[in-house]
């Protein structure tokens, strides 16, 4: 697998391929955002400092009968322009949005 397959097969333009793992009948593609694409999620500045990572799993389309998961390294960033410290914005995943039902749980 290559970064080209991420782009052409899954539509991931900002990510780079790290490795493939096969576990329990599931295919895991390990990915991360290219360093030159990291930017502040608030002001969109590229003037950021990396502050660690977390791992997130994303279910994607299967390959044949095998389920496929993207195992993404999500970068925590500090913006030197606006001062915000936050995880990078993941373009291929929607952000969780509050619903009217969420406010009833408070």
PDB file of N, CA and C in Angstrom:
ATOM      1  N   UNK A   1       0.852  -1.177   0.000  1.00  0.00           N
ATOM      2  CA  UNK A   1       0.000   0.000   0.000  1.00  0.00           C
ATOM      3  C   UNK A   1       0.891   1.231   0.000  1.00  0.00           C
ATOM      4  N   UNK A   2       0.362   2.306  -0.515  1.00  0.00           N
ATOM      5  CA  UNK A   2       1.123   3.545  -0.559  1.00  0.00           C
ATOM      6  C   UNK A   2       0.212   4.719  -0.247  1.00  0.00           C
ATOM      7  N   UNK A   3       0.822   5.880  -0.106  1.00  0.00           N
ATOM      8  CA  UNK A   3       0.063   7.102   0.118  1.00  0.00           C
ATOM      9  C   UNK A   3      -0.848   7.384  -1.074  1.00  0.00           C
ATOM     10  N   UNK A   4      -0.462   6.948  -2.269  1.00  0.00           N
ATOM     11  CA  UNK A   4      -1.304   7.139  -3.454  1.00  0.00           C
ATOM     12  C   UNK A   4      -2.633   6.401  -3.327  1.00  0.00           C
ATOM     13  N   UNK A   5      -2.611   5.187  -2.749  1.00  0.00           N
ATOM     14  CA  UNK A   5      -3.856   4.449  -2.557  1.00  0.00           C
ATOM     15  C   UNK A   5      -4.766   5.181  -1.574  1.00  0.00           C
ATOM     16  N   UNK A   6      -4.198   5.794  -0.537  1.00  0.00           N
ATOM     17  CA  UNK A   6      -5.009   6.604   0.381  1.00  0.00           C
ATOM     18  C   UNK A   6      -5.710   7.723  -0.387  1.00  0.00           C
ATOM     19  N   UNK A   7      -4.992   8.343  -1.290  1.00  0.00           N
ATOM     20  CA  UNK A   7      -5.548   9.455  -2.064  1.00  0.00           C
ATOM     21  C   UNK A   7      -6.596   8.972  -3.068  1.00  0.00           C
ATOM     22  N   UNK A   8      -6.240   8.020  -3.909  1.00  0.00           N
ATOM     23  CA  UNK A   8      -7.138   7.586  -4.975  1.00  0.00           C
ATOM     24  C   UNK A   8      -8.245   6.651  -4.483  1.00  0.00           C
ATOM     25  N   UNK A   9      -7.946   5.775  -3.524  1.00  0.00           N
ATOM     26  CA  UNK A   9      -8.923   4.798  -3.056  1.00  0.00           C
ATOM     27  C   UNK A   9      -9.844   5.306  -1.961  1.00  0.00           C
ATOM     28  N   UNK A  10      -9.318   6.168  -1.082  1.00  0.00           N
ATOM     29  CA  UNK A  10     -10.091   6.630   0.064  1.00  0.00           C
ATOM     30  C   UNK A  10     -10.316   8.137   0.077  1.00  0.00           C
ATOM     31  N   UNK A  11      -9.717   8.865  -0.848  1.00  0.00           N
ATOM     32  CA  UNK A  11      -9.909  10.312  -0.922  1.00  0.00           C
ATOM     33  C   UNK A  11      -9.178  11.084   0.155  1.00  0.00           C
ATOM     34  N   UNK A  12      -8.129  10.497   0.727  1.00  0.00           N
ATOM     35  CA  UNK A  12      -7.368  11.166   1.789  1.00  0.00           C
ATOM     36  C   UNK A  12      -6.183  11.890   1.169  1.00  0.00           C
ATOM     37  N   UNK A  13      -6.275  13.209   1.088  1.00  0.00           N
ATOM     38  CA  UNK A  13      -5.248  14.000   0.412  1.00  0.00           C
ATOM     39  C   UNK A  13      -4.141  14.493   1.329  1.00  0.00           C
ATOM     40  N   UNK A  14      -4.426  14.660   2.613  1.00  0.00           N
ATOM     41  CA  UNK A  14      -3.457  15.260   3.533  1.00  0.00           C
ATOM     42  C   UNK A  14      -2.704  14.227   4.371  1.00  0.00           C
ATOM     43  N   UNK A  15      -3.056  12.952   4.252  1.00  0.00           N
ATOM     44  CA  UNK A  15      -2.471  11.922   5.099  1.00  0.00           C
ATOM     45  C   UNK A  15      -1.395  11.149   4.364  1.00  0.00           C
ATOM     46  N   UNK A  16      -0.488  10.602   5.164  1.00  0.00           N
ATOM     47  CA  UNK A  16       0.545   9.726   4.621  1.00  0.00           C
ATOM     48  C   UNK A  16       0.401   8.342   5.254  1.00  0.00           C
ATOM     49  N   UNK A  17       0.716   7.331   4.490  1.00  0.00           N
ATOM     50  CA  UNK A  17       0.641   5.943   4.909  1.00  0.00           C
ATOM     51  C   UNK A  17       1.862   5.597   5.750  1.00  0.00           C
ATOM     52  N   UNK A  18       1.634   4.887   6.871  1.00  0.00           N
ATOM     53  CA  UNK A  18       2.734   4.442   7.718  1.00  0.00           C
ATOM     54  C   UNK A  18       2.957   2.935   7.621  1.00  0.00           C
ATOM     55  N   UNK A  19       1.897   2.145   7.818  1.00  0.00           N
ATOM     56  CA  UNK A  19       2.027   0.687   7.731  1.00  0.00           C
ATOM     57  C   UNK A  19       0.634   0.055   7.689  1.00  0.00           C
ATOM     58  N   UNK A  20       0.596  -1.239   7.402  1.00  0.00           N
ATOM     59  CA  UNK A  20      -0.640  -2.013   7.403  1.00  0.00           C
ATOM     60  C   UNK A  20      -0.521  -3.095   8.460  1.00  0.00           C
ATOM     61  N   UNK A  21      -1.625  -3.342   9.148  1.00  0.00           N
ATOM     62  CA  UNK A  21      -1.665  -4.363  10.197  1.00  0.00           C
ATOM     63  C   UNK A  21      -2.909  -5.217   9.957  1.00  0.00           C
ATOM     64  N   UNK A  22      -2.775  -6.522  10.108  1.00  0.00           N
ATOM     65  CA  UNK A  22      -3.891  -7.451   9.957  1.00  0.00           C
ATOM     66  C   UNK A  22      -4.113  -8.119  11.302  1.00  0.00           C
ATOM     67  N   UNK A  23      -5.296  -7.862  11.892  1.00  0.00           N
ATOM     68  CA  UNK A  23      -5.551  -8.410  13.224  1.00  0.00           C
ATOM     69  C   UNK A  23      -7.030  -8.776  13.345  1.00  0.00           C
ATOM     70  N   UNK A  24      -7.311 -10.039  13.709  1.00  0.00           N
ATOM     71  CA  UNK A  24      -8.683 -10.460  13.945  1.00  0.00           C
ATOM     72  C   UNK A  24      -9.590 -10.311  12.738  1.00  0.00           C
ATOM     73  N   UNK A  25      -9.060 -10.525  11.539  1.00  0.00           N
ATOM     74  CA  UNK A  25      -9.869 -10.410  10.340  1.00  0.00           C
ATOM     75  C   UNK A  25     -10.118  -8.985   9.875  1.00  0.00           C
ATOM     76  N   UNK A  26      -9.474  -8.017  10.516  1.00  0.00           N
ATOM     77  CA  UNK A  26      -9.633  -6.600  10.166  1.00  0.00           C
ATOM     78  C   UNK A  26      -8.310  -6.079   9.610  1.00  0.00           C
ATOM     79  N   UNK A  27      -8.406  -5.236   8.593  1.00  0.00           N
ATOM     80  CA  UNK A  27      -7.226  -4.585   8.021  1.00  0.00           C
ATOM     81  C   UNK A  27      -7.138  -3.189   8.638  1.00  0.00           C
ATOM     82  N   UNK A  28      -5.989  -2.868   9.213  1.00  0.00           N
ATOM     83  CA  UNK A  28      -5.748  -1.550   9.808  1.00  0.00           C
ATOM     84  C   UNK A  28      -4.683  -0.835   8.992  1.00  0.00           C
ATOM     85  N   UNK A  29      -5.040   0.336   8.450  1.00  0.00           N
ATOM     86  CA  UNK A  29      -4.069   1.192   7.781  1.00  0.00           C
ATOM     87  C   UNK A  29      -3.672   2.288   8.760  1.00  0.00           C
ATOM     88  N   UNK A  30      -2.408   2.351   9.111  1.00  0.00           N
ATOM     89  CA  UNK A  30      -1.889   3.368  10.016  1.00  0.00           C
ATOM     90  C   UNK A  30      -1.533   4.601   9.189  1.00  0.00           C
ATOM     91  N   UNK A  31      -2.055   5.748   9.605  1.00  0.00           N
ATOM     92  CA  UNK A  31      -1.850   6.990   8.848  1.00  0.00           C
ATOM     93  C   UNK A  31      -1.564   8.146   9.800  1.00  0.00           C
ATOM     94  N   UNK A  32      -1.070   9.227   9.231  1.00  0.00           N
ATOM     95  CA  UNK A  32      -0.925  10.496   9.950  1.00  0.00           C
ATOM     96  C   UNK A  32      -0.944  11.622   8.925  1.00  0.00           C
ATOM     97  N   UNK A  33      -1.236  12.815   9.401  1.00  0.00           N
ATOM     98  CA  UNK A  33      -1.268  13.980   8.522  1.00  0.00           C
ATOM     99  C   UNK A  33       0.162  14.389   8.166  1.00  0.00           C
ATOM    100  N   UNK A  34       0.380  14.715   6.904  1.00  0.00           N
ATOM    101  CA  UNK A  34       1.687  15.222   6.479  1.00  0.00           C
ATOM    102  C   UNK A  34       2.024  16.471   7.281  1.00  0.00           C
ATOM    103  N   UNK A  35       3.266  16.591   7.699  1.00  0.00           N
ATOM    104  CA  UNK A  35       3.673  17.723   8.540  1.00  0.00           C
ATOM    105  C   UNK A  35       3.399  19.072   7.890  1.00  0.00           C
ATOM    106  N   UNK A  36       3.608  19.180   6.579  1.00  0.00           N
ATOM    107  CA  UNK A  36       3.397  20.470   5.914  1.00  0.00           C
ATOM    108  C   UNK A  36       1.925  20.841   5.811  1.00  0.00           C
ATOM    109  N   UNK A  37       1.008  19.913   6.135  1.00  0.00           N
ATOM    110  CA  UNK A  37      -0.429  20.175   6.096  1.00  0.00           C
ATOM    111  C   UNK A  37      -1.001  20.519   7.474  1.00  0.00           C
ATOM    112  N   UNK A  38      -0.197  20.402   8.537  1.00  0.00           N
ATOM    113  CA  UNK A  38      -0.689  20.691   9.882  1.00  0.00           C
ATOM    114  C   UNK A  38      -0.932  22.192  10.036  1.00  0.00           C
ATOM    115  N   UNK A  39      -2.138  22.532  10.487  1.00  0.00           N
ATOM    116  CA  UNK A  39      -2.467  23.938  10.678  1.00  0.00           C
ATOM    117  C   UNK A  39      -3.447  24.102  11.828  1.00  0.00           C
ATOM    118  N   UNK A  40      -3.513  25.294  12.360  1.00  0.00           N
ATOM    119  CA  UNK A  40      -4.414  25.623  13.462  1.00  0.00           C
ATOM    120  C   UNK A  40      -5.866  25.421  13.024  1.00  0.00           C
ATOM    121  N   UNK A  41      -6.646  24.765  13.862  1.00  0.00           N
ATOM    122  CA  UNK A  41      -8.056  24.527  13.521  1.00  0.00           C
ATOM    123  C   UNK A  41      -8.903  25.788  13.718  1.00  0.00           C
ATOM    124  N   UNK A  42      -8.366  26.808  14.369  1.00  0.00           N
ATOM    125  CA  UNK A  42      -9.105  28.056  14.604  1.00  0.00           C
ATOM    126  C   UNK A  42      -8.797  29.102  13.526  1.00  0.00           C
ATOM    127  N   UNK A  43      -7.530  29.485  13.416  1.00  0.00           N
ATOM    128  CA  UNK A  43      -7.161  30.583  12.501  1.00  0.00           C
ATOM    129  C   UNK A  43      -6.518  30.089  11.200  1.00  0.00           C
ATOM    130  N   UNK A  44      -6.295  28.782  11.080  1.00  0.00           N
ATOM    131  CA  UNK A  44      -5.748  28.129   9.890  1.00  0.00           C
ATOM    132  C   UNK A  44      -4.291  28.485   9.602  1.00  0.00           C
ATOM    133  N   UNK A  45      -3.584  28.990  10.607  1.00  0.00           N
ATOM    134  CA  UNK A  45      -2.165  29.302  10.462  1.00  0.00           C
ATOM    135  C   UNK A  45      -1.354  28.005  10.424  1.00  0.00           C
ATOM    136  N   UNK A  46      -0.269  28.013   9.659  1.00  0.00           N
ATOM    137  CA  UNK A  46       0.650  26.881   9.632  1.00  0.00           C
ATOM    138  C   UNK A  46       1.776  27.059  10.647  1.00  0.00           C
ATOM    139  N   UNK A  47       1.739  28.145  11.412  1.00  0.00           N
ATOM    140  CA  UNK A  47       2.745  28.465  12.411  1.00  0.00           C
ATOM    141  C   UNK A  47       2.384  27.762  13.718  1.00  0.00           C
ATOM    142  N   UNK A  48       2.566  26.425  13.750  1.00  0.00           N
ATOM    143  CA  UNK A  48       2.138  25.615  14.890  1.00  0.00           C
ATOM    144  C   UNK A  48       3.294  24.804  15.457  1.00  0.00           C
ATOM    145  N   UNK A  49       3.138  24.421  16.724  1.00  0.00           N
ATOM    146  CA  UNK A  49       4.098  23.571  17.429  1.00  0.00           C
ATOM    147  C   UNK A  49       3.382  22.277  17.790  1.00  0.00           C
ATOM    148  N   UNK A  50       4.013  21.131  17.505  1.00  0.00           N
ATOM    149  CA  UNK A  50       3.416  19.839  17.852  1.00  0.00           C
ATOM    150  C   UNK A  50       3.532  19.606  19.358  1.00  0.00           C
ATOM    151  N   UNK A  51       2.435  19.118  19.945  1.00  0.00           N
ATOM    152  CA  UNK A  51       2.374  18.913  21.392  1.00  0.00           C
ATOM    153  C   UNK A  51       1.891  17.507  21.752  1.00  0.00           C
ATOM    154  N   UNK A  52       2.272  16.500  20.975  1.00  0.00           N
ATOM    155  CA  UNK A  52       1.890  15.123  21.272  1.00  0.00           C
ATOM    156  C   UNK A  52       0.784  14.622  20.357  1.00  0.00           C
ATOM    157  N   UNK A  53       0.523  13.316  20.445  1.00  0.00           N
ATOM    158  CA  UNK A  53      -0.492  12.698  19.597  1.00  0.00           C
ATOM    159  C   UNK A  53      -1.386  11.762  20.397  1.00  0.00           C
ATOM    160  N   UNK A  54      -2.549  11.480  19.825  1.00  0.00           N
ATOM    161  CA  UNK A  54      -3.416  10.407  20.300  1.00  0.00           C
ATOM    162  C   UNK A  54      -3.743   9.556  19.085  1.00  0.00           C
ATOM    163  N   UNK A  55      -4.266   8.365  19.322  1.00  0.00           N
ATOM    164  CA  UNK A  55      -4.651   7.484  18.231  1.00  0.00           C
ATOM    165  C   UNK A  55      -6.165   7.380  18.178  1.00  0.00           C
ATOM    166  N   UNK A  56      -6.726   7.479  16.970  1.00  0.00           N
ATOM    167  CA  UNK A  56      -8.168   7.313  16.777  1.00  0.00           C
ATOM    168  C   UNK A  56      -8.407   6.317  15.667  1.00  0.00           C
ATOM    169  N   UNK A  57      -9.496   5.568  15.802  1.00  0.00           N
ATOM    170  CA  UNK A  57      -9.891   4.599  14.788  1.00  0.00           C
ATOM    171  C   UNK A  57     -11.084   5.114  14.000  1.00  0.00           C
ATOM    172  N   UNK A  58     -11.030   4.945  12.679  1.00  0.00           N
ATOM    173  CA  UNK A  58     -12.120   5.335  11.804  1.00  0.00           C
ATOM    174  C   UNK A  58     -12.469   4.149  10.920  1.00  0.00           C
ATOM    175  N   UNK A  59     -13.749   3.773  10.895  1.00  0.00           N
ATOM    176  CA  UNK A  59     -14.218   2.709  10.029  1.00  0.00           C
ATOM    177  C   UNK A  59     -14.381   3.269   8.624  1.00  0.00           C
ATOM    178  N   UNK A  60     -13.894   2.541   7.640  1.00  0.00           N
ATOM    179  CA  UNK A  60     -14.019   2.969   6.254  1.00  0.00           C
ATOM    180  C   UNK A  60     -14.608   1.834   5.431  1.00  0.00           C
ATOM    181  N   UNK A  61     -14.628   1.983   4.132  1.00  0.00           N
ATOM    182  CA  UNK A  61     -15.223   0.964   3.270  1.00  0.00           C
ATOM    183  C   UNK A  61     -14.380  -0.314   3.309  1.00  0.00           C
ATOM    184  N   UNK A  62     -15.046  -1.475   3.200  1.00  0.00           N
ATOM    185  CA  UNK A  62     -14.294  -2.737   3.227  1.00  0.00           C
ATOM    186  C   UNK A  62     -13.525  -2.964   1.934  1.00  0.00           C
ATOM    187  N   UNK A  63     -12.549  -3.830   2.017  1.00  0.00           N
ATOM    188  CA  UNK A  63     -11.847  -4.331   0.841  1.00  0.00           C
ATOM    189  C   UNK A  63     -12.247  -5.796   0.722  1.00  0.00           C
ATOM    190  N   UNK A  64     -13.038  -6.107  -0.283  1.00  0.00           N
ATOM    191  CA  UNK A  64     -13.601  -7.456  -0.388  1.00  0.00           C
ATOM    192  C   UNK A  64     -14.509  -7.707   0.798  1.00  0.00           C
ATOM    193  N   UNK A  65     -14.259  -8.800   1.506  1.00  0.00           N
ATOM    194  CA  UNK A  65     -15.049  -9.135   2.694  1.00  0.00           C
ATOM    195  C   UNK A  65     -14.385  -8.673   3.983  1.00  0.00           C
ATOM    196  N   UNK A  66     -13.240  -8.027   3.878  1.00  0.00           N
ATOM    197  CA  UNK A  66     -12.483  -7.602   5.064  1.00  0.00           C
ATOM    198  C   UNK A  66     -12.862  -6.178   5.486  1.00  0.00           C
ATOM    199  N   UNK A  67     -13.252  -6.002   6.751  1.00  0.00           N
ATOM    200  CA  UNK A  67     -13.463  -4.638   7.245  1.00  0.00           C
ATOM    201  C   UNK A  67     -12.128  -3.890   7.283  1.00  0.00           C
ATOM    202  N   UNK A  68     -12.180  -2.594   7.043  1.00  0.00           N
ATOM    203  CA  UNK A  68     -10.974  -1.764   7.018  1.00  0.00           C
ATOM    204  C   UNK A  68     -11.137  -0.616   8.007  1.00  0.00           C
ATOM    205  N   UNK A  69     -10.125  -0.436   8.836  1.00  0.00           N
ATOM    206  CA  UNK A  69     -10.087   0.664   9.800  1.00  0.00           C
ATOM    207  C   UNK A  69      -8.870   1.536   9.491  1.00  0.00           C
ATOM    208  N   UNK A  70      -9.061   2.847   9.623  1.00  0.00           N
ATOM    209  CA  UNK A  70      -7.937   3.777   9.567  1.00  0.00           C
ATOM    210  C   UNK A  70      -7.512   4.040  10.998  1.00  0.00           C
ATOM    211  N   UNK A  71      -6.274   3.755  11.324  1.00  0.00           N
ATOM    212  CA  UNK A  71      -5.731   4.018  12.649  1.00  0.00           C
ATOM    213  C   UNK A  71      -4.876   5.279  12.514  1.00  0.00           C
ATOM    214  N   UNK A  72      -5.461   6.412  12.905  1.00  0.00           N
ATOM    215  CA  UNK A  72      -4.837   7.712  12.654  1.00  0.00           C
ATOM    216  C   UNK A  72      -4.145   8.263  13.895  1.00  0.00           C
ATOM    217  N   UNK A  73      -2.941   8.773  13.688  1.00  0.00           N
ATOM    218  CA  UNK A  73      -2.241   9.527  14.725  1.00  0.00           C
ATOM    219  C   UNK A  73      -2.735  10.965  14.611  1.00  0.00           C
ATOM    220  N   UNK A  74      -3.457  11.425  15.625  1.00  0.00           N
ATOM    221  CA  UNK A  74      -4.016  12.772  15.623  1.00  0.00           C
ATOM    222  C   UNK A  74      -3.079  13.674  16.428  1.00  0.00           C
ATOM    223  N   UNK A  75      -2.615  14.725  15.786  1.00  0.00           N
ATOM    224  CA  UNK A  75      -1.634  15.630  16.383  1.00  0.00           C
ATOM    225  C   UNK A  75      -2.315  16.706  17.229  1.00  0.00           C
ATOM    226  N   UNK A  76      -1.778  16.944  18.414  1.00  0.00           N
ATOM    227  CA  UNK A  76      -2.190  18.085  19.234  1.00  0.00           C
ATOM    228  C   UNK A  76      -1.249  19.225  18.868  1.00  0.00           C
ATOM    229  N   UNK A  77      -1.819  20.407  18.615  1.00  0.00           N
ATOM    230  CA  UNK A  77      -1.038  21.533  18.117  1.00  0.00           C
ATOM    231  C   UNK A  77      -1.236  22.779  18.962  1.00  0.00           C
ATOM    232  N   UNK A  78      -0.172  23.548  19.104  1.00  0.00           N
ATOM    233  CA  UNK A  78      -0.256  24.881  19.709  1.00  0.00           C
ATOM    234  C   UNK A  78       0.017  25.892  18.607  1.00  0.00           C
ATOM    235  N   UNK A  79      -0.919  26.823  18.423  1.00  0.00           N
ATOM    236  CA  UNK A  79      -0.769  27.848  17.399  1.00  0.00           C
ATOM    237  C   UNK A  79       0.047  29.011  17.959  1.00  0.00           C
ATOM    238  N   UNK A  80       1.111  29.370  17.272  1.00  0.00           N
ATOM    239  CA  UNK A  80       1.948  30.481  17.710  1.00  0.00           C
ATOM    240  C   UNK A  80       1.337  31.828  17.343  1.00  0.00           C
ATOM    241  N   UNK A  81       0.297  31.830  16.487  1.00  0.00           N
ATOM    242  CA  UNK A  81      -0.343  33.076  16.099  1.00  0.00           C
ATOM    243  C   UNK A  81      -1.521  33.427  17.002  1.00  0.00           C
ATOM    244  N   UNK A  82      -2.431  32.462  17.241  1.00  0.00           N
ATOM    245  CA  UNK A  82      -3.621  32.778  18.045  1.00  0.00           C
ATOM    246  C   UNK A  82      -3.570  32.189  19.452  1.00  0.00           C
ATOM    247  N   UNK A  83      -2.590  31.313  19.735  1.00  0.00           N
ATOM    248  CA  UNK A  83      -2.415  30.778  21.080  1.00  0.00           C
ATOM    249  C   UNK A  83      -3.258  29.547  21.406  1.00  0.00           C
ATOM    250  N   UNK A  84      -4.111  29.116  20.514  1.00  0.00           N
ATOM    251  CA  UNK A  84      -4.976  27.964  20.755  1.00  0.00           C
ATOM    252  C   UNK A  84      -4.161  26.670  20.821  1.00  0.00           C
ATOM    253  N   UNK A  85      -4.512  25.801  21.776  1.00  0.00           N
ATOM    254  CA  UNK A  85      -3.931  24.464  21.852  1.00  0.00           C
ATOM    255  C   UNK A  85      -5.088  23.499  21.653  1.00  0.00           C
ATOM    256  N   UNK A  86      -5.013  22.720  20.560  1.00  0.00           N
ATOM    257  CA  UNK A  86      -6.131  21.846  20.216  1.00  0.00           C
ATOM    258  C   UNK A  86      -5.657  20.771  19.244  1.00  0.00           C
ATOM    259  N   UNK A  87      -6.439  19.695  19.151  1.00  0.00           N
ATOM    260  CA  UNK A  87      -6.125  18.656  18.175  1.00  0.00           C
ATOM    261  C   UNK A  87      -6.315  19.205  16.763  1.00  0.00           C
ATOM    262  N   UNK A  88      -5.541  18.656  15.844  1.00  0.00           N
ATOM    263  CA  UNK A  88      -5.692  19.049  14.443  1.00  0.00           C
ATOM    264  C   UNK A  88      -7.101  18.716  13.955  1.00  0.00           C
ATOM    265  N   UNK A  89      -7.550  19.455  12.973  1.00  0.00           N
ATOM    266  CA  UNK A  89      -8.844  19.177  12.351  1.00  0.00           C
ATOM    267  C   UNK A  89      -8.652  18.041  11.365  1.00  0.00           C
ATOM    268  N   UNK A  90      -9.512  17.035  11.478  1.00  0.00           N
ATOM    269  CA  UNK A  90      -9.450  15.883  10.593  1.00  0.00           C
ATOM    270  C   UNK A  90     -10.452  16.112   9.473  1.00  0.00           C
ATOM    271  N   UNK A  91      -9.968  16.363   8.286  1.00  0.00           N
ATOM    272  CA  UNK A  91     -10.834  16.724   7.163  1.00  0.00           C
ATOM    273  C   UNK A  91     -11.765  15.599   6.723  1.00  0.00           C
ATOM    274  N   UNK A  92     -11.362  14.342   6.925  1.00  0.00           N
ATOM    275  CA  UNK A  92     -12.197  13.240   6.468  1.00  0.00           C
ATOM    276  C   UNK A  92     -13.220  12.794   7.505  1.00  0.00           C
ATOM    277  N   UNK A  93     -13.256  13.435   8.679  1.00  0.00           N
ATOM    278  CA  UNK A  93     -14.217  13.092   9.722  1.00  0.00           C
ATOM    279  C   UNK A  93     -14.970  14.351  10.143  1.00  0.00           C
ATOM    280  N   UNK A  94     -16.269  14.207  10.313  1.00  0.00           N
ATOM    281  CA  UNK A  94     -17.062  15.341  10.768  1.00  0.00           C
ATOM    282  C   UNK A  94     -16.841  15.558  12.257  1.00  0.00           C
ATOM    283  N   UNK A  95     -16.811  16.814  12.657  1.00  0.00           N
ATOM    284  CA  UNK A  95     -16.721  17.127  14.076  1.00  0.00           C
ATOM    285  C   UNK A  95     -18.049  16.824  14.736  1.00  0.00           C
ATOM    286  N   UNK A  96     -18.001  16.426  16.004  1.00  0.00           N
ATOM    287  CA  UNK A  96     -19.236  16.166  16.729  1.00  0.00           C
ATOM    288  C   UNK A  96     -19.967  17.484  16.929  1.00  0.00           C
ATOM    289  N   UNK A  97     -21.202  17.484  16.540  1.00  0.00           N
ATOM    290  CA  UNK A  97     -22.005  18.693  16.675  1.00  0.00           C
ATOM    291  C   UNK A  97     -23.057  18.464  17.753  1.00  0.00           C
ATOM    292  N   UNK A  98     -23.285  19.472  18.559  1.00  0.00           N
ATOM    293  CA  UNK A  98     -24.298  19.383  19.610  1.00  0.00           C
ATOM    294  C   UNK A  98     -25.684  19.366  18.977  1.00  0.00           C
ATOM    295  N   UNK A  99     -26.559  18.558  19.526  1.00  0.00           N
ATOM    296  CA  UNK A  99     -27.942  18.485  19.064  1.00  0.00           C
ATOM    297  C   UNK A  99     -28.846  19.002  20.184  1.00  0.00           C
ATOM    298  N   UNK A 100     -30.093  19.349  19.888  1.00  0.00           N
ATOM    299  CA  UNK A 100     -31.001  19.786  20.948  1.00  0.00           C
ATOM    300  C   UNK A 100     -31.143  18.735  22.059  1.00  0.00           C
ATOM    301  N   UNK A 101     -31.037  17.443  21.707  1.00  0.00           N
ATOM    302  CA  UNK A 101     -31.146  16.392  22.715  1.00  0.00           C
ATOM    303  C   UNK A 101     -29.978  16.432  23.688  1.00  0.00           C
ATOM    304  N   UNK A 102     -28.770  16.843  23.192  1.00  0.00           N
ATOM    305  CA  UNK A 102     -27.604  16.940  24.060  1.00  0.00           C
ATOM    306  C   UNK A 102     -27.828  17.948  25.190  1.00  0.00           C
ATOM    307  N   UNK A 103     -28.491  19.047  24.900  1.00  0.00           N
ATOM    308  CA  UNK A 103     -28.703  20.070  25.924  1.00  0.00           C
ATOM    309  C   UNK A 103     -29.679  19.599  26.986  1.00  0.00           C
ATOM    310  N   UNK A 104     -30.536  18.631  26.652  1.00  0.00           N
ATOM    311  CA  UNK A 104     -31.465  18.096  27.644  1.00  0.00           C
ATOM    312  C   UNK A 104     -30.752  17.206  28.644  1.00  0.00           C
ATOM    313  N   UNK A 105     -29.604  16.657  28.297  1.00  0.00           N
ATOM    314  CA  UNK A 105     -28.859  15.782  29.196  1.00  0.00           C
ATOM    315  C   UNK A 105     -28.141  16.550  30.290  1.00  0.00           C
ATOM    316  N   UNK A 106     -27.997  17.845  30.147  1.00  0.00           N
ATOM    317  CA  UNK A 106     -27.232  18.646  31.119  1.00  0.00           C
ATOM    318  C   UNK A 106     -27.985  18.881  32.381  1.00  0.00           C
TER     319      UNK A 106
END
